[in-house]
Amino acid sequence: MSERLQPGDTAPAFTLPDADGNEVSLADHLGRKVIVYFYPAALTPGCTKQACDFTDNLEVLATAGYDVIGVSPDKPEKLAKFREAEHLKVTLVGDPDKEVLAAYGAFGEKKLYGKTVTGVIRSTVIVDEEGKVERALYNVKATGHVAKIIKDLGI
C-alpha cells in the first residue's frame, strides 16, 4: 500500500503524457496552485461525472488561481477519446505504469462492492504554488466532490 500524502509534504514530481501525447509536468505549474485528481478509468460513469464537474467549474477554479490535472492509468489514445466524447477541457494525463498514482498514495488496496481489491483510489491532492501539498483527500466520491472542493477552498 502506498503512503498517503500529508499537508506540508513536497508533492511528488511527475511528467506524464496528456491526451495528445504531449508531456505535462507538475513543475510546469510552479507559481500556481494545482488540483491533481486521480480517477480509475476514462469513459466510465463515475469518472465521467467527475471530469465533467471539473470541466464545468474550470473557469471558476482558474480565476481563483487553480490549474486542474486529472490522472488515470489510461493511455493517451483513450484519454483523447474520453476528452472528445465528453467535451472535456480539463488536462488529462495517463500513468499506465501507475508510478505517479502510487507516489501520491492513490493506488493500493480498496473496498469495491464489499471485496478488497488493488486499484486506483479516487483521490484529490491540492498542491500550493511552491509544490507543497496543501490538502490530500482520499476515497472521495465522484459525485459532488468538485462542489465540496470549491466550498472547502472558499472559492
Protein backbone atom coordinates (compact mmCIF):
# COMPACT_ATOMS: atom_id res chain seq x y z
CA MET A 1 0.00 0.00 0.00
CA SER A 2 1.42 3.36 -0.93
CA GLU A 3 1.90 6.11 1.64
CA ARG A 4 -0.72 8.80 1.74
CA LEU A 5 0.48 12.36 1.43
CA GLN A 6 0.02 14.85 4.26
CA PRO A 7 -0.25 18.65 4.19
CA GLY A 8 3.25 20.14 4.07
CA ASP A 9 4.77 17.21 2.14
CA THR A 10 6.52 18.03 -1.11
CA ALA A 11 4.23 16.88 -3.93
CA PRO A 12 5.98 14.14 -5.94
CA ALA A 13 7.28 15.50 -9.25
CA PHE A 14 5.86 13.95 -12.40
CA THR A 15 5.93 14.21 -16.15
CA LEU A 16 3.19 12.26 -17.94
CA PRO A 17 1.70 12.23 -21.45
CA ASP A 18 -1.58 14.07 -22.00
CA ALA A 19 -4.39 13.07 -24.37
CA ASP A 20 -2.33 14.37 -27.32
CA GLY A 21 0.89 12.65 -26.23
CA ASN A 22 2.46 15.93 -25.04
CA GLU A 23 4.37 15.84 -21.76
CA VAL A 24 2.78 17.58 -18.78
CA SER A 25 4.91 18.17 -15.69
CA LEU A 26 3.87 19.33 -12.25
CA ALA A 27 6.92 21.64 -12.43
CA ASP A 28 5.25 23.48 -15.34
CA HIS A 29 2.69 24.78 -12.81
CA LEU A 30 5.02 26.24 -10.17
CA GLY A 31 3.68 29.60 -9.09
CA ARG A 32 0.06 28.43 -9.42
CA LYS A 33 -2.00 26.14 -7.26
CA VAL A 34 -2.81 22.77 -8.82
CA ILE A 35 -5.65 20.36 -8.14
CA VAL A 36 -4.33 16.93 -9.10
CA TYR A 37 -7.12 14.39 -9.10
CA PHE A 38 -6.76 10.64 -9.56
CA TYR A 39 -9.51 8.53 -11.08
CA PRO A 40 -9.74 4.83 -12.02
CA ALA A 41 -10.68 4.85 -15.71
CA ALA A 42 -11.72 7.13 -18.56
CA LEU A 43 -15.14 6.58 -20.14
CA THR A 44 -16.74 5.08 -17.01
CA PRO A 45 -19.82 6.67 -15.38
CA GLY A 46 -18.31 7.96 -12.12
CA CYS A 47 -15.11 9.19 -13.74
CA THR A 48 -17.11 10.89 -16.49
CA LYS A 49 -19.26 12.69 -13.89
CA GLN A 50 -16.16 13.87 -12.03
CA ALA A 51 -14.32 15.03 -15.20
CA CYS A 52 -17.44 16.88 -16.40
CA ASP A 53 -17.79 18.57 -12.99
CA PHE A 54 -14.17 19.76 -13.16
CA THR A 55 -14.69 20.96 -16.75
CA ASP A 56 -17.90 22.81 -15.78
CA ASN A 57 -16.05 24.57 -12.94
CA LEU A 58 -12.69 25.07 -14.68
CA GLU A 59 -13.19 28.81 -15.19
CA VAL A 60 -14.16 29.35 -11.54
CA LEU A 61 -11.12 27.38 -10.38
CA ALA A 62 -8.75 29.09 -12.87
CA THR A 63 -9.98 32.54 -11.81
CA ALA A 64 -9.17 31.55 -8.21
CA GLY A 65 -5.63 30.57 -9.31
CA TYR A 66 -6.01 26.79 -9.65
CA ASP A 67 -4.97 24.57 -12.54
CA VAL A 68 -6.55 21.10 -12.75
CA ILE A 69 -4.86 17.87 -13.86
CA GLY A 70 -6.67 14.53 -13.98
CA VAL A 71 -4.51 11.39 -13.70
CA SER A 72 -5.58 7.85 -14.57
CA PRO A 73 -3.78 4.68 -15.68
CA ASP A 74 -5.18 5.15 -19.20
CA LYS A 75 -3.07 5.55 -22.32
CA PRO A 76 -3.19 8.88 -24.24
CA GLU A 77 -5.40 7.39 -27.01
CA LYS A 78 -8.13 6.51 -24.52
CA LEU A 79 -7.80 9.92 -22.84
CA ALA A 80 -8.29 11.59 -26.25
CA LYS A 81 -11.47 9.54 -26.84
CA PHE A 82 -12.69 10.49 -23.36
CA ARG A 83 -11.96 14.19 -23.95
CA GLU A 84 -13.74 14.20 -27.33
CA ALA A 85 -16.74 12.12 -26.20
CA GLU A 86 -17.43 14.31 -23.17
CA HIS A 87 -16.11 17.68 -24.47
CA LEU A 88 -13.67 17.89 -21.55
CA LYS A 89 -11.48 20.95 -21.07
CA VAL A 90 -9.53 19.67 -18.06
CA THR A 91 -5.96 18.44 -18.67
CA LEU A 92 -5.93 14.63 -18.59
CA VAL A 93 -2.68 12.66 -18.28
CA GLY A 94 -2.02 8.93 -18.36
CA ASP A 95 0.05 6.90 -15.90
CA PRO A 96 -0.08 3.33 -17.28
CA ASP A 97 2.87 2.27 -15.06
CA LYS A 98 0.95 3.58 -12.02
CA GLU A 99 4.17 5.05 -10.56
CA VAL A 100 2.70 8.54 -10.05
CA LEU A 101 -0.55 7.08 -8.71
CA ALA A 102 1.49 5.11 -6.15
CA ALA A 103 3.71 8.11 -5.27
CA TYR A 104 0.57 10.10 -4.42
CA GLY A 105 -0.97 7.30 -2.35
CA ALA A 106 -3.72 6.90 -4.96
CA PHE A 107 -3.04 3.26 -5.81
CA GLY A 108 -3.44 0.34 -3.45
CA GLU A 109 -5.97 -1.76 -1.62
CA LYS A 110 -9.54 -0.51 -1.55
CA LYS A 111 -13.01 -1.89 -0.96
CA LEU A 112 -15.14 -2.46 -4.03
CA TYR A 113 -18.59 -3.95 -3.56
CA GLY A 114 -17.51 -5.44 -0.23
CA LYS A 115 -14.35 -7.08 -1.60
CA THR A 116 -10.78 -5.92 -1.11
CA VAL A 117 -9.13 -5.21 -4.46
CA THR A 118 -5.99 -3.41 -5.61
CA GLY A 119 -6.59 -0.43 -7.83
CA VAL A 120 -6.84 3.32 -8.18
CA ILE A 121 -8.12 5.07 -5.06
CA ARG A 122 -10.18 8.08 -6.16
CA SER A 123 -8.19 10.92 -4.61
CA THR A 124 -7.52 14.64 -4.91
CA VAL A 125 -4.33 16.41 -3.90
CA ILE A 126 -4.18 20.19 -3.83
CA VAL A 127 -0.66 21.49 -4.38
CA ASP A 128 0.34 25.05 -3.48
CA GLU A 129 2.39 27.49 -5.56
CA GLU A 130 5.67 26.12 -4.17
CA GLY A 131 4.88 22.47 -4.88
CA LYS A 132 3.83 21.54 -1.34
CA VAL A 133 0.73 19.52 -0.50
CA GLU A 134 -1.97 21.84 0.82
CA ARG A 135 -4.66 19.15 1.13
CA ALA A 136 -4.77 15.42 0.39
CA LEU A 137 -8.22 13.83 0.11
CA TYR A 138 -8.60 10.06 -0.31
CA ASN A 139 -11.55 7.78 -1.11
CA VAL A 140 -13.55 10.73 -2.39
CA LYS A 141 -16.90 10.34 -4.11
CA ALA A 142 -17.16 11.14 -7.83
CA THR A 143 -20.46 12.99 -7.43
CA GLY A 144 -20.43 16.30 -5.58
CA HIS A 145 -16.67 16.25 -5.00
CA VAL A 146 -15.86 19.33 -7.11
CA ALA A 147 -18.58 21.37 -5.37
CA LYS A 148 -17.14 20.30 -2.00
CA ILE A 149 -13.60 21.35 -3.03
CA ILE A 150 -14.86 24.75 -4.17
CA LYS A 151 -16.74 25.21 -0.88
CA ASP A 152 -13.80 24.00 1.27
CA LEU A 153 -11.36 26.30 -0.55
CA GLY A 154 -13.71 29.25 -0.10
CA ILE A 155 -13.96 29.93 -3.83
